[in-house]
C-alpha atoms as a PDB file:
ATOM      1  CA  UNK A   1      97.607 110.105  86.866  1.00  0.00           C
ATOM      2  CA  UNK A   2      98.012 107.540  89.614  1.00  0.00           C
ATOM      3  CA  UNK A   3      97.046 108.307  93.130  1.00  0.00           C
ATOM      4  CA  UNK A   4      98.754 106.459  95.759  1.00  0.00           C
ATOM      5  CA  UNK A   5      96.778 105.827  98.925  1.00  0.00           C
ATOM      6  CA  UNK A   6      98.512 105.370 102.125  1.00  0.00           C
ATOM      7  CA  UNK A   7      97.560 102.343 104.265  1.00  0.00           C
ATOM      8  CA  UNK A   8      96.265 103.397 107.664  1.00  0.00           C
ATOM      9  CA  UNK A   9      97.292 101.377 110.883  1.00  0.00           C
ATOM     10  CA  UNK A  10      93.885  99.738 110.938  1.00  0.00           C
ATOM     11  CA  UNK A  11      93.925  98.860 107.183  1.00  0.00           C
ATOM     12  CA  UNK A  12      97.391  97.359 107.592  1.00  0.00           C
ATOM     13  CA  UNK A  13      96.029  95.151 110.777  1.00  0.00           C
ATOM     14  CA  UNK A  14      92.966  93.948 109.040  1.00  0.00           C
ATOM     15  CA  UNK A  15      95.090  92.902 105.576  1.00  0.00           C
ATOM     16  CA  UNK A  16      97.664  91.284 108.152  1.00  0.00           C
ATOM     17  CA  UNK A  17      94.649  89.282 109.717  1.00  0.00           C
ATOM     18  CA  UNK A  18      93.246  88.189 106.407  1.00  0.00           C
ATOM     19  CA  UNK A  19      96.473  86.996 105.115  1.00  0.00           C
ATOM     20  CA  UNK A  20      97.215  84.995 108.490  1.00  0.00           C
ATOM     21  CA  UNK A  21      93.611  83.410 108.213  1.00  0.00           C
ATOM     22  CA  UNK A  22      94.360  82.326 104.620  1.00  0.00           C
ATOM     23  CA  UNK A  23      97.745  81.080 105.151  1.00  0.00           C
ATOM     24  CA  UNK A  24      96.524  79.078 108.434  1.00  0.00           C
ATOM     25  CA  UNK A  25      93.703  77.464 106.265  1.00  0.00           C
ATOM     26  CA  UNK A  26      96.212  76.455 103.446  1.00  0.00           C
ATOM     27  CA  UNK A  27      94.420  78.725 101.068  1.00  0.00           C
ATOM     28  CA  UNK A  28      97.618  80.044  99.493  1.00  0.00           C
ATOM     29  CA  UNK A  29      99.518  78.098  96.923  1.00  0.00           C
ATOM     30  CA  UNK A  30     103.296  77.984  97.191  1.00  0.00           C
ATOM     31  CA  UNK A  31     103.735  80.580  94.526  1.00  0.00           C
ATOM     32  CA  UNK A  32     101.607  83.258  96.642  1.00  0.00           C
ATOM     33  CA  UNK A  33     103.119  81.963  99.871  1.00  0.00           C
ATOM     34  CA  UNK A  34     106.282  84.264  99.636  1.00  0.00           C
ATOM     35  CA  UNK A  35     104.583  87.088  98.024  1.00  0.00           C
ATOM     36  CA  UNK A  36     102.135  87.193 101.001  1.00  0.00           C
ATOM     37  CA  UNK A  37     104.769  86.698 103.635  1.00  0.00           C
ATOM     38  CA  UNK A  38     106.791  89.704 102.116  1.00  0.00           C
ATOM     39  CA  UNK A  39     103.633  91.964 102.186  1.00  0.00           C
ATOM     40  CA  UNK A  40     102.952  90.924 105.858  1.00  0.00           C
ATOM     41  CA  UNK A  41     106.699  91.872 106.779  1.00  0.00           C
ATOM     42  CA  UNK A  42     105.973  95.228 104.890  1.00  0.00           C
ATOM     43  CA  UNK A  43     102.816  95.675 106.695  1.00  0.00           C
ATOM     44  CA  UNK A  44     104.354  94.847 110.096  1.00  0.00           C
ATOM     45  CA  UNK A  45     106.839  97.472 109.830  1.00  0.00           C
ATOM     46  CA  UNK A  46     104.562 100.026 108.448  1.00  0.00           C
ATOM     47  CA  UNK A  47     102.747  99.562 112.043  1.00  0.00           C
ATOM     48  CA  UNK A  48     105.603  99.462 114.062  1.00  0.00           C
ATOM     49  CA  UNK A  49     106.751 102.914 112.266  1.00  0.00           C
ATOM     50  CA  UNK A  50     103.432 104.383 112.923  1.00  0.00           C
ATOM     51  CA  UNK A  51     103.570 103.219 116.503  1.00  0.00           C
ATOM     52  CA  UNK A  52     106.807 104.609 116.946  1.00  0.00           C
ATOM     53  CA  UNK A  53     105.818 108.177 115.531  1.00  0.00           C
ATOM     54  CA  UNK A  54     102.547 108.013 117.535  1.00  0.00           C
ATOM     55  CA  UNK A  55     104.555 107.458 120.616  1.00  0.00           C
ATOM     56  CA  UNK A  56     107.090 110.140 119.835  1.00  0.00           C
ATOM     57  CA  UNK A  57     104.380 113.048 119.215  1.00  0.00           C
ATOM     58  CA  UNK A  58     102.797 111.840 122.405  1.00  0.00           C
ATOM     59  CA  UNK A  59     105.785 112.251 124.385  1.00  0.00           C
ATOM     60  CA  UNK A  60     106.483 115.739 122.866  1.00  0.00           C
ATOM     61  CA  UNK A  61     102.762 116.794 123.858  1.00  0.00           C
ATOM     62  CA  UNK A  62     103.602 115.312 127.028  1.00  0.00           C
ATOM     63  CA  UNK A  63     106.537 117.044 127.588  1.00  0.00           C
ATOM     64  CA  UNK A  64     105.236 120.619 126.312  1.00  0.00           C
ATOM     65  CA  UNK A  65     102.460 120.272 128.983  1.00  0.00           C
ATOM     66  CA  UNK A  66     104.679 119.396 131.931  1.00  0.00           C
ATOM     67  CA  UNK A  67     107.347 121.735 130.720  1.00  0.00           C
END
């Protein structure tokens, strides 16, 4: 049975940074470049979604406190 591990926000940021360093230092060949750019786009969306959900949760909690 394969277990799929959810990527945390911090793990996504670290991976994005690692990929960007490799891109900036020209470590990636052209065949890897498109794949890594797609991965960064996926990770950025994941981070954006997590931030949005966290913001909504904080707003809900604050609303309950004020309520």
